[in-house]
């Protein structure tokens, strides 16, 4: 990261970035048929999505950094890039080795290096800007080259000195290393490479500086950009509608009595495709939306398309889903082992921690479909640890039948219908639902029984899950409100909020 500069402030993007202005609520959400789009329109939509995704990533991912594009070593793109680069640098070396030297390519590089140095300056670096303009006066450099008086060594020495003043501390060693190079072509090549890294450092420094500003305005910005996309692609909420319809049906089926704060004051929904049956209690909007969010943790591979409003968070949420599945298996293994071994063995210092560690390692990177083979190995490792600990404590070893029973119970956890796994899964999801509800994240004093060994990991997953959901609810809440009104109150007047709760 570049060295801190006092008073450094960044202005928001010039492409319609976050401004903090009040936005009108989303208009009607018609399910329009798809329309043919021109290439220019498709390019505009792609650009809008790219901008929206970058802002979203900057705000939600504190580790977000821009990185130089990289290709697989064996890819066609990489071979083409390396071939072109080699041709350029070979040509540079050939030109500088000629007698007299040909400085055509060297001047091109000096021009780009000058532009790179100027791009690293902040608005108030007026004096340094003037120094660079004077020292790297391209017209003068061309005249010197024409008369065979171009001092490449002197110019590169000045460039290296300026780089040392502007670079981030992490680049200090690389810049010092450049000063030891004597071959002009190699020196120009390495200067060009390090300047590229410095430009990337500056971009990431700017992103860090913008993050606080974006966090204050990103809700309005994302909603505005999404509305612009929706205006161009009216069918862009079809998958979101389907996701909420399913959640509404599930929430209605699980409602045995009217909610404490009903979304609809005694009204019942008429029969229509996707609407809630009139014979069931109409759930609150909050309960439906929360049900939809929790359903994301059960998203099966190959299931229908992800909701459009959550597409930017799909990878994050799928990572949470993987962690939840792994924590379920770990907790189930520990619970089964505890039940078989008793409190004396499980109370032995480090015993549970070692079982947890080996189970986690053997599950790392595996999909749910491979849990069965993983649990085979896990059961073997658990039996080894149990035998070792029993021996250390001076207890008799388990009988063959007891070993077989423990191994069989652990292997059976691979079955999704396994009773222990089901109980653990329900407790974990019940706990995570606290992080979905806006007022539920402080209700952690009663940690679910059987989950103590994974408490730290579960809290971390819960906070990650909750931060994504909280941001999504703030950005897309008005759209969810409109869709759920269609689902729960299909006969309500358009734009009417009568009897509807908010979230």
Protein backbone atom coordinates (compact mmCIF):
# COMPACT_ATOMS: atom_id res chain seq x y z
CA UNK A 1 0.00 0.00 0.00
CA UNK A 2 1.37 3.47 -0.82
CA UNK A 3 2.80 5.52 2.02
CA UNK A 4 0.09 7.48 3.88
CA UNK A 5 -0.47 10.96 2.59
CA UNK A 6 -2.07 13.47 5.01
CA UNK A 7 -5.44 14.77 3.95
CA UNK A 8 -5.83 12.22 1.22
CA UNK A 9 -9.43 12.29 0.02
CA UNK A 10 -10.98 10.72 -3.00
CA UNK A 11 -13.98 11.85 -4.94
CA UNK A 12 -16.67 9.38 -5.97
CA UNK A 13 -16.61 7.82 -9.43
CA UNK A 14 -17.54 10.10 -12.31
CA UNK A 15 -19.75 7.47 -13.92
CA UNK A 16 -22.76 8.06 -11.74
CA UNK A 17 -21.26 6.62 -8.57
CA UNK A 18 -22.62 6.91 -5.04
CA UNK A 19 -23.85 10.42 -4.31
CA UNK A 20 -26.16 9.80 -1.35
CA UNK A 21 -29.21 11.34 -3.04
CA UNK A 22 -32.69 10.13 -2.23
CA UNK A 23 -33.94 7.59 -4.72
CA UNK A 24 -37.57 7.07 -5.63
CA UNK A 25 -39.03 3.71 -4.70
CA UNK A 26 -38.90 1.12 -7.43
CA UNK A 27 -41.71 1.26 -9.89
CA UNK A 28 -43.97 -1.60 -10.97
CA UNK A 29 -42.19 -4.82 -11.77
CA UNK A 30 -43.82 -6.08 -14.97
CA UNK A 31 -42.94 -9.53 -16.22
CA UNK A 32 -42.23 -8.34 -19.75
CA UNK A 33 -41.20 -10.70 -22.52
CA UNK A 34 -37.53 -10.59 -23.45
CA UNK A 35 -36.58 -8.06 -26.11
CA UNK A 36 -33.79 -8.22 -28.65
CA UNK A 37 -30.88 -6.00 -27.64
CA UNK A 38 -28.25 -4.45 -29.87
CA UNK A 39 -24.55 -5.09 -29.32
CA UNK A 40 -24.15 -1.55 -27.96
CA UNK A 41 -26.97 -2.11 -25.46
CA UNK A 42 -25.46 -5.42 -24.37
CA UNK A 43 -22.08 -3.72 -23.90
CA UNK A 44 -23.69 -0.97 -21.81
CA UNK A 45 -25.43 -3.55 -19.63
CA UNK A 46 -22.17 -5.47 -19.20
CA UNK A 47 -20.38 -2.27 -18.18
CA UNK A 48 -23.13 -1.40 -15.69
CA UNK A 49 -22.97 -4.85 -14.13
CA UNK A 50 -19.18 -4.60 -13.91
CA UNK A 51 -19.33 -1.25 -12.11
CA UNK A 52 -22.05 -2.48 -9.77
CA UNK A 53 -20.09 -5.64 -8.97
CA UNK A 54 -16.87 -3.76 -8.22
CA UNK A 55 -18.57 -1.33 -5.82
CA UNK A 56 -20.41 -4.19 -4.14
CA UNK A 57 -17.20 -6.19 -3.75
CA UNK A 58 -15.27 -3.23 -2.34
CA UNK A 59 -17.89 -2.68 0.36
CA UNK A 60 -18.48 -6.31 1.38
CA UNK A 61 -14.99 -7.70 0.94
CA UNK A 62 -12.48 -5.93 3.18
CA UNK A 63 -9.67 -7.89 1.47
CA UNK A 64 -10.69 -6.82 -2.03
CA UNK A 65 -7.74 -5.80 -4.20
CA UNK A 66 -7.26 -5.28 -7.89
CA UNK A 67 -4.67 -7.56 -9.41
CA UNK A 68 -2.96 -7.65 -12.76
CA UNK A 69 -4.59 -10.02 -15.23
CA UNK A 70 -2.92 -13.40 -15.31
CA UNK A 71 -3.33 -16.33 -17.65
CA UNK A 72 -2.62 -20.01 -17.31
CA UNK A 73 0.99 -20.69 -18.40
CA UNK A 74 -0.18 -23.09 -21.10
CA UNK A 75 -3.10 -20.99 -22.33
CA UNK A 76 -3.21 -19.44 -25.81
CA UNK A 77 -3.57 -15.94 -24.29
CA UNK A 78 -0.38 -16.41 -22.27
CA UNK A 79 1.58 -17.72 -25.25
CA UNK A 80 0.47 -14.77 -27.40
CA UNK A 81 1.32 -12.29 -24.63
CA UNK A 82 4.77 -13.79 -24.03
CA UNK A 83 5.53 -13.90 -27.76
CA UNK A 84 4.61 -10.25 -28.26
CA UNK A 85 6.49 -9.12 -25.15
CA UNK A 86 9.59 -11.06 -26.15
CA UNK A 87 9.50 -9.57 -29.62
CA UNK A 88 9.28 -6.05 -28.18
CA UNK A 89 12.10 -6.44 -25.64
CA UNK A 90 14.34 -8.24 -28.15
CA UNK A 91 13.75 -5.38 -30.57
CA UNK A 92 14.63 -2.83 -27.85
CA UNK A 93 17.87 -4.62 -27.01
CA UNK A 94 18.78 -4.85 -30.70
CA UNK A 95 18.12 -1.14 -31.23
CA UNK A 96 20.18 -0.03 -28.22
CA UNK A 97 23.06 -2.35 -29.24
CA UNK A 98 23.23 -0.92 -32.74
CA UNK A 99 25.94 1.53 -33.74
CA UNK A 100 24.82 4.24 -33.56
CA UNK A 101 22.00 3.29 -31.12
CA UNK A 102 18.41 3.51 -32.34
CA UNK A 103 16.33 5.02 -29.50
CA UNK A 104 12.88 4.71 -31.11
CA UNK A 105 11.51 2.09 -28.71
CA UNK A 106 13.40 3.54 -25.74
CA UNK A 107 11.64 6.88 -26.30
CA UNK A 108 8.28 5.09 -26.41
CA UNK A 109 9.07 3.51 -23.05
CA UNK A 110 10.25 6.80 -21.54
CA UNK A 111 6.96 8.39 -22.63
CA UNK A 112 4.96 5.63 -20.91
CA UNK A 113 7.14 5.81 -17.80
CA UNK A 114 6.55 9.56 -17.58
CA UNK A 115 2.78 9.01 -17.82
CA UNK A 116 2.99 6.30 -15.16
CA UNK A 117 4.87 8.57 -12.75
CA UNK A 118 2.38 11.39 -13.31
CA UNK A 119 -0.52 9.00 -12.64
CA UNK A 120 0.94 8.26 -9.18
CA UNK A 121 0.78 11.91 -8.13
CA UNK A 122 -1.95 13.44 -6.00
CA UNK A 123 -3.60 16.76 -6.95
CA UNK A 124 -1.43 18.84 -4.62
CA UNK A 125 1.90 17.43 -5.88
CA UNK A 126 2.32 20.45 -8.17
CA UNK A 127 6.05 20.92 -7.63
CA UNK A 128 6.88 17.27 -8.27
CA UNK A 129 4.63 17.32 -11.33
CA UNK A 130 6.58 20.24 -12.74
CA UNK A 131 9.89 18.50 -12.01
CA UNK A 132 8.80 15.36 -13.86
CA UNK A 133 7.52 17.40 -16.82
CA UNK A 134 10.87 19.20 -17.01
CA UNK A 135 13.16 16.21 -16.48
CA UNK A 136 11.22 14.04 -18.96
CA UNK A 137 10.51 16.67 -21.62
CA UNK A 138 9.72 14.36 -24.52
CA UNK A 139 10.35 16.95 -27.22
CA UNK A 140 13.82 17.63 -25.83
CA UNK A 141 14.47 13.88 -25.47
CA UNK A 142 13.60 13.33 -29.15
CA UNK A 143 15.93 16.14 -30.20
CA UNK A 144 18.78 14.68 -28.12
CA UNK A 145 18.16 11.26 -29.67
CA UNK A 146 18.34 12.75 -33.18
CA UNK A 147 21.76 14.27 -32.39
CA UNK A 148 23.06 11.12 -30.65
CA UNK A 149 23.20 12.87 -27.27
CA UNK A 150 20.45 11.01 -25.40
CA UNK A 151 21.58 10.14 -21.87
CA UNK A 152 19.49 7.06 -21.06
CA UNK A 153 21.51 6.37 -17.91
CA UNK A 154 20.81 9.87 -16.55
CA UNK A 155 17.08 9.62 -17.36
CA UNK A 156 16.69 6.20 -15.75
CA UNK A 157 18.57 7.43 -12.67
CA UNK A 158 16.07 10.28 -12.31
CA UNK A 159 13.13 7.91 -12.84
CA UNK A 160 14.43 5.52 -10.18
CA UNK A 161 14.86 8.39 -7.71
CA UNK A 162 11.29 9.54 -8.31
CA UNK A 163 10.00 5.97 -7.97
CA UNK A 164 11.77 5.68 -4.61
CA UNK A 165 9.90 8.79 -3.42
CA UNK A 166 6.49 7.58 -4.60
CA UNK A 167 6.50 3.82 -4.08
CA UNK A 168 4.81 1.95 -1.24
CA UNK A 169 7.15 0.60 1.46
CA UNK A 170 6.62 -2.91 0.09
CA UNK A 171 8.30 -1.82 -3.19
CA UNK A 172 11.38 -0.18 -1.61
CA UNK A 173 13.56 -3.27 -1.97
CA UNK A 174 12.56 -3.83 -5.60
CA UNK A 175 13.35 -0.22 -6.51
CA UNK A 176 16.75 -0.47 -4.79
CA UNK A 177 17.39 -3.67 -6.73
CA UNK A 178 16.84 -1.82 -10.02
CA UNK A 179 19.68 0.55 -9.21
CA UNK A 180 22.12 -2.37 -9.44
CA UNK A 181 21.23 -3.15 -13.06
CA UNK A 182 23.68 -1.93 -15.70
CA UNK A 183 22.26 -3.25 -18.98
CA UNK A 184 20.05 -0.43 -20.42
CA UNK A 185 17.48 -2.75 -22.05
CA UNK A 186 17.09 -4.89 -18.93
CA UNK A 187 16.87 -1.78 -16.73
CA UNK A 188 14.11 -0.23 -18.85
CA UNK A 189 12.23 -3.52 -18.84
CA UNK A 190 12.39 -3.86 -15.04
CA UNK A 191 11.49 -0.21 -14.45
CA UNK A 192 8.43 -0.69 -16.64
CA UNK A 193 7.44 -3.82 -14.66
CA UNK A 194 7.82 -2.20 -11.22
CA UNK A 195 5.94 0.92 -12.34
CA UNK A 196 3.06 -1.38 -13.26
CA UNK A 197 3.09 -2.77 -9.73
CA UNK A 198 3.19 0.74 -8.27
CA UNK A 199 0.16 1.78 -10.33
CA UNK A 200 -1.72 -1.24 -8.97
CA UNK A 201 -0.66 -0.28 -5.43
CA UNK A 202 -2.06 3.20 -5.95
CA UNK A 203 -5.36 1.83 -7.26
CA UNK A 204 -5.73 -0.40 -4.21
CA UNK A 205 -4.76 2.48 -1.91
CA UNK A 206 -7.49 4.56 -3.54
CA UNK A 207 -9.98 1.73 -3.04
CA UNK A 208 -9.14 1.57 0.66
CA UNK A 209 -9.62 5.33 0.91
CA UNK A 210 -12.97 5.12 -0.89
CA UNK A 211 -14.31 2.23 1.19
CA UNK A 212 -15.65 4.36 4.04
CA UNK A 213 -17.29 6.76 1.59
CA UNK A 214 -18.83 3.91 -0.38
CA UNK A 215 -20.19 2.26 2.75
CA UNK A 216 -22.14 5.45 3.45
CA UNK A 217 -23.66 5.65 -0.02
CA UNK A 218 -23.57 2.20 -1.58
CA UNK A 219 -27.19 1.35 -0.70
CA UNK A 220 -28.52 4.16 -2.87
CA UNK A 221 -25.90 3.55 -5.56
CA UNK A 222 -26.57 -0.18 -5.92
CA UNK A 223 -30.31 0.32 -5.93
CA UNK A 224 -30.01 3.04 -8.56
CA UNK A 225 -27.77 0.93 -10.79
CA UNK A 226 -30.02 -2.11 -10.40
CA UNK A 227 -33.08 -0.03 -11.36
CA UNK A 228 -31.25 1.11 -14.49
CA UNK A 229 -30.59 -2.52 -15.37
CA UNK A 230 -34.21 -3.38 -14.64
CA UNK A 231 -35.38 -0.63 -16.98
CA UNK A 232 -33.31 -2.19 -19.77
CA UNK A 233 -34.17 -5.81 -18.87
CA UNK A 234 -37.69 -5.87 -17.37
CA UNK A 235 -37.53 -9.65 -16.82
CA UNK A 236 -34.50 -9.34 -14.55
CA UNK A 237 -36.47 -10.34 -11.43
CA UNK A 238 -38.06 -13.56 -12.63
CA UNK A 239 -35.81 -15.84 -10.55
CA UNK A 240 -36.22 -13.57 -7.54
CA UNK A 241 -40.00 -13.85 -7.85
CA UNK A 242 -39.78 -17.64 -7.96
CA UNK A 243 -37.44 -17.70 -4.95
CA UNK A 244 -39.86 -15.56 -2.88
CA UNK A 245 -42.92 -17.53 -4.02
CA UNK A 246 -41.33 -20.72 -2.74
CA UNK A 247 -40.38 -19.04 0.53
CA UNK A 248 -43.93 -17.70 0.94
CA UNK A 249 -45.42 -21.16 0.42
CA UNK A 250 -43.04 -22.68 2.98
CA UNK A 251 -43.61 -19.90 5.51
CA UNK A 252 -47.38 -20.25 5.12
CA UNK A 253 -47.26 -24.02 5.56
CA UNK A 254 -45.25 -23.69 8.77
CA UNK A 255 -47.55 -21.04 10.27
CA UNK A 256 -49.87 -22.63 12.81
CA UNK A 257 -51.18 -19.30 14.11
CA UNK A 258 -51.19 -15.66 13.06
CA UNK A 259 -47.82 -13.98 13.55
CA UNK A 260 -47.47 -11.43 16.41
CA UNK A 261 -47.25 -8.59 13.90
CA UNK A 262 -49.13 -9.83 10.82
CA UNK A 263 -48.17 -8.50 7.46
CA UNK A 264 -51.79 -8.45 6.33
CA UNK A 265 -54.49 -7.30 8.70
CA UNK A 266 -56.73 -10.34 8.59
CA UNK A 267 -56.73 -10.49 4.80
CA UNK A 268 -56.36 -13.72 2.92
CA UNK A 269 -54.79 -14.19 -0.46
CA UNK A 270 -56.89 -15.30 -3.39
CA UNK A 271 -55.90 -18.28 -5.46
CA UNK A 272 -53.48 -17.39 -8.22
CA UNK A 273 -50.25 -18.91 -9.54
CA UNK A 274 -47.63 -18.60 -6.81
CA UNK A 275 -50.03 -16.95 -4.36
CA UNK A 276 -50.51 -18.15 -0.79
CA UNK A 277 -53.56 -20.34 -0.31
CA UNK A 278 -56.55 -18.62 1.31
CA UNK A 279 -56.90 -21.56 3.71
CA UNK A 280 -53.61 -20.76 5.42
CA UNK A 281 -52.51 -17.89 7.60
CA UNK A 282 -50.79 -15.21 5.57
CA UNK A 283 -47.25 -14.89 6.96
CA UNK A 284 -45.49 -11.61 7.60
CA UNK A 285 -43.20 -10.21 4.97
CA UNK A 286 -40.28 -10.50 7.36
CA UNK A 287 -40.88 -14.20 7.96
CA UNK A 288 -41.15 -14.89 4.22
CA UNK A 289 -37.98 -13.01 3.40
CA UNK A 290 -36.10 -14.66 6.27
CA UNK A 291 -37.30 -18.05 5.03
CA UNK A 292 -35.99 -17.19 1.58
CA UNK A 293 -32.61 -16.21 2.98
CA UNK A 294 -32.36 -19.43 4.99
CA UNK A 295 -33.25 -21.44 1.89
CA UNK A 296 -30.03 -20.17 0.31
CA UNK A 297 -28.13 -22.42 2.72
CA UNK A 298 -29.88 -25.44 1.19
CA UNK A 299 -29.35 -24.51 -2.46
CA UNK A 300 -28.70 -27.69 -4.39
CA UNK A 301 -26.27 -27.79 -7.33
CA UNK A 302 -28.24 -27.61 -10.56
CA UNK A 303 -31.21 -26.00 -8.83
CA UNK A 304 -33.00 -23.15 -10.60
CA UNK A 305 -31.09 -19.96 -11.26
CA UNK A 306 -29.99 -17.95 -8.24
CA UNK A 307 -32.13 -14.89 -7.43
CA UNK A 308 -30.90 -11.97 -9.50
CA UNK A 309 -30.76 -9.74 -6.42
CA UNK A 310 -28.27 -12.13 -4.80
CA UNK A 311 -26.20 -13.01 -7.82
CA UNK A 312 -23.25 -10.85 -6.74
CA UNK A 313 -23.18 -12.69 -3.42
CA UNK A 314 -23.66 -16.21 -4.78
CA UNK A 315 -20.03 -17.26 -4.30
CA UNK A 316 -19.98 -15.81 -0.77
CA UNK A 317 -23.22 -17.54 0.20
CA UNK A 318 -22.17 -20.86 -1.33
CA UNK A 319 -18.97 -20.67 0.69
CA UNK A 320 -21.08 -20.15 3.82
CA UNK A 321 -23.21 -23.13 2.78
CA UNK A 322 -20.12 -25.33 2.45
CA UNK A 323 -18.90 -24.25 5.88
CA UNK A 324 -22.30 -24.93 7.44
CA UNK A 325 -22.34 -28.44 5.96
CA UNK A 326 -18.83 -29.12 7.25
CA UNK A 327 -19.63 -27.80 10.73
CA UNK A 328 -22.71 -30.02 10.79
CA UNK A 329 -20.59 -33.11 10.11
CA UNK A 330 -17.91 -32.07 12.62
CA UNK A 331 -20.44 -31.45 15.39
CA UNK A 332 -22.25 -34.70 14.62
CA UNK A 333 -19.00 -36.71 14.75
CA UNK A 334 -18.07 -35.14 18.08
CA UNK A 335 -21.56 -35.72 19.51
CA UNK A 336 -21.59 -39.38 18.48
CA UNK A 337 -18.09 -39.92 19.86
CA UNK A 338 -19.01 -38.17 23.11
CA UNK A 339 -22.07 -40.34 23.53
CA UNK A 340 -20.04 -43.50 23.02
CA UNK A 341 -16.93 -42.53 25.03
CA UNK A 342 -18.49 -40.70 27.95
CA UNK A 343 -17.51 -37.52 29.77
CA UNK A 344 -14.30 -38.91 31.30
CA UNK A 345 -12.65 -39.56 27.96
CA UNK A 346 -14.07 -36.46 26.25
CA UNK A 347 -13.02 -34.36 29.23
CA UNK A 348 -9.41 -35.36 28.74
CA UNK A 349 -7.34 -32.25 27.83
CA UNK A 350 -7.08 -31.80 24.07
CA UNK A 351 -9.11 -34.89 23.16
CA UNK A 352 -12.09 -33.09 21.58
CA UNK A 353 -9.78 -30.51 19.95
CA UNK A 354 -7.76 -33.27 18.28
CA UNK A 355 -10.89 -35.02 16.99
CA UNK A 356 -12.22 -31.72 15.70
CA UNK A 357 -8.95 -30.90 13.95
CA UNK A 358 -8.60 -34.24 12.17
CA UNK A 359 -12.27 -34.23 11.11
CA UNK A 360 -11.94 -30.71 9.72
CA UNK A 361 -8.80 -31.60 7.77
CA UNK A 362 -10.39 -34.67 6.20
CA UNK A 363 -13.47 -32.68 5.14
CA UNK A 364 -11.52 -29.74 3.72
CA UNK A 365 -12.35 -29.03 0.09
CA UNK A 366 -14.89 -31.87 -0.22
CA UNK A 367 -18.40 -31.52 -1.58
CA UNK A 368 -21.37 -33.11 0.20
CA UNK A 369 -21.34 -35.96 -2.30
CA UNK A 370 -17.95 -37.12 -0.98
CA UNK A 371 -18.76 -37.07 2.72
CA UNK A 372 -19.33 -40.82 2.76
CA UNK A 373 -15.74 -41.66 1.81
CA UNK A 374 -14.43 -38.92 4.11
CA UNK A 375 -16.38 -40.32 7.07
CA UNK A 376 -14.80 -43.71 6.46
CA UNK A 377 -11.38 -42.15 7.03
CA UNK A 378 -12.69 -40.00 9.89
CA UNK A 379 -14.04 -43.05 11.72
CA UNK A 380 -10.63 -44.72 11.49
CA UNK A 381 -8.88 -41.63 12.83
CA UNK A 382 -11.41 -41.27 15.67
CA UNK A 383 -10.87 -44.90 16.73
CA UNK A 384 -7.09 -44.37 16.71
CA UNK A 385 -7.41 -41.28 18.88
CA UNK A 386 -9.82 -43.01 21.25
CA UNK A 387 -7.47 -45.99 21.64
CA UNK A 388 -4.46 -43.72 22.20
CA UNK A 389 -6.26 -41.62 24.83
CA UNK A 390 -7.66 -44.67 26.64
CA UNK A 391 -4.15 -46.08 26.85
CA UNK A 392 -2.73 -42.79 28.15
CA UNK A 393 -5.40 -42.58 30.85
CA UNK A 394 -4.91 -46.20 31.86
CA UNK A 395 -8.34 -47.45 30.78
CA UNK A 396 -9.11 -50.71 29.04
CA UNK A 397 -9.38 -50.61 25.26
CA UNK A 398 -12.79 -50.74 23.59
CA UNK A 399 -14.05 -54.16 22.66
CA UNK A 400 -14.26 -55.13 19.01
CA UNK A 401 -18.06 -54.71 19.07
CA UNK A 402 -17.85 -51.27 20.64
CA UNK A 403 -15.27 -50.17 18.07
CA UNK A 404 -17.49 -51.45 15.26
CA UNK A 405 -20.49 -49.67 16.77
CA UNK A 406 -18.65 -46.33 17.02
CA UNK A 407 -17.30 -46.64 13.50
CA UNK A 408 -20.73 -47.54 12.13
CA UNK A 409 -22.41 -44.61 13.86
CA UNK A 410 -19.84 -42.17 12.48
CA UNK A 411 -20.12 -43.56 8.95
CA UNK A 412 -23.93 -43.34 9.10
CA UNK A 413 -23.67 -39.56 9.48
CA UNK A 414 -23.14 -39.49 5.70
CA UNK A 415 -26.88 -40.17 5.39
CA UNK A 416 -28.78 -36.86 5.38
CA UNK A 417 -31.59 -38.61 7.22
CA UNK A 418 -29.31 -39.62 10.08
CA UNK A 419 -30.99 -38.60 13.36
CA UNK A 420 -27.90 -37.02 14.92
CA UNK A 421 -27.00 -35.13 11.76
CA UNK A 422 -30.59 -33.92 11.41
CA UNK A 423 -30.70 -32.59 14.98
CA UNK A 424 -27.34 -30.83 14.62
CA UNK A 425 -28.37 -29.39 11.26
CA UNK A 426 -31.61 -28.00 12.70
CA UNK A 427 -29.80 -26.44 15.66
CA UNK A 428 -27.20 -24.81 13.44
CA UNK A 429 -29.79 -23.37 11.07
CA UNK A 430 -31.92 -22.18 13.96
CA UNK A 431 -28.88 -20.38 15.37
CA UNK A 432 -27.98 -18.86 12.00
CA UNK A 433 -31.53 -17.60 11.59
CA UNK A 434 -30.74 -15.17 14.43
CA UNK A 435 -28.22 -13.48 12.13
CA UNK A 436 -30.81 -13.14 9.36
CA UNK A 437 -33.31 -11.34 11.56
CA UNK A 438 -32.37 -7.66 12.00
CA UNK A 439 -32.98 -7.79 15.77
CA UNK A 440 -31.77 -11.34 16.41
CA UNK A 441 -27.98 -11.11 16.34
CA UNK A 442 -27.76 -10.27 20.05
CA UNK A 443 -29.65 -13.41 21.09
CA UNK A 444 -26.58 -15.60 21.52
CA UNK A 445 -26.65 -16.12 25.26
CA UNK A 446 -28.37 -19.50 24.84
CA UNK A 447 -25.92 -21.28 22.54
CA UNK A 448 -27.49 -24.51 21.21
CA UNK A 449 -26.58 -27.70 23.06
CA UNK A 450 -24.10 -29.95 21.32
CA UNK A 451 -22.52 -27.08 19.36
CA UNK A 452 -20.05 -25.82 21.97
CA UNK A 453 -17.02 -27.40 20.21
CA UNK A 454 -17.80 -25.40 17.03
CA UNK A 455 -18.96 -22.21 18.73
CA UNK A 456 -16.11 -20.04 17.47
CA UNK A 457 -16.44 -21.19 13.85
CA UNK A 458 -20.24 -20.96 13.94
CA UNK A 459 -20.17 -17.40 15.24
CA UNK A 460 -17.75 -16.40 12.48
CA UNK A 461 -19.96 -18.01 9.82
CA UNK A 462 -23.03 -16.37 11.35
CA UNK A 463 -21.50 -12.90 11.21
CA UNK A 464 -20.40 -13.40 7.59
CA UNK A 465 -23.84 -14.65 6.61
CA UNK A 466 -25.58 -11.86 8.50
CA UNK A 467 -23.49 -9.07 6.96
CA UNK A 468 -24.33 -10.24 3.43
CA UNK A 469 -28.04 -10.59 4.22
CA UNK A 470 -28.22 -7.25 6.04
CA UNK A 471 -26.71 -5.41 3.06
CA UNK A 472 -28.93 -7.25 0.59
CA UNK A 473 -32.07 -6.44 2.58
CA UNK A 474 -31.18 -2.75 2.67
CA UNK A 475 -30.51 -2.55 -1.07
CA UNK A 476 -33.33 -4.69 -2.43
CA UNK A 477 -35.97 -4.42 0.32
CA UNK A 478 -38.26 -2.20 -1.80
CA UNK A 479 -38.20 -4.74 -4.64
CA UNK A 480 -38.95 -7.60 -2.26
CA UNK A 481 -41.87 -5.60 -0.87
CA UNK A 482 -43.40 -5.17 -4.32
CA UNK A 483 -42.97 -8.84 -5.22
CA UNK A 484 -44.35 -10.12 -1.92
CA UNK A 485 -47.38 -7.87 -2.29
CA UNK A 486 -48.04 -9.64 -5.60
CA UNK A 487 -47.58 -13.03 -3.95
CA UNK A 488 -49.43 -12.45 -0.66
CA UNK A 489 -52.02 -9.91 -1.80
CA UNK A 490 -52.60 -10.44 -5.51
CA UNK A 491 -55.85 -8.43 -5.38
CA UNK A 492 -54.36 -5.41 -3.59
CA UNK A 493 -54.27 -2.08 -5.39
CA UNK A 494 -50.89 -1.44 -7.12
CA UNK A 495 -48.69 0.81 -4.98
CA UNK A 496 -50.81 0.25 -1.89
CA UNK A 497 -48.94 -0.48 1.35
CA UNK A 498 -52.05 -0.98 3.44
CA UNK A 499 -51.52 -3.72 6.01
CA UNK A 500 -48.03 -4.50 4.83
CA UNK A 501 -45.09 -4.52 7.22
CA UNK A 502 -41.65 -3.34 6.20
CA UNK A 503 -38.14 -4.75 6.63
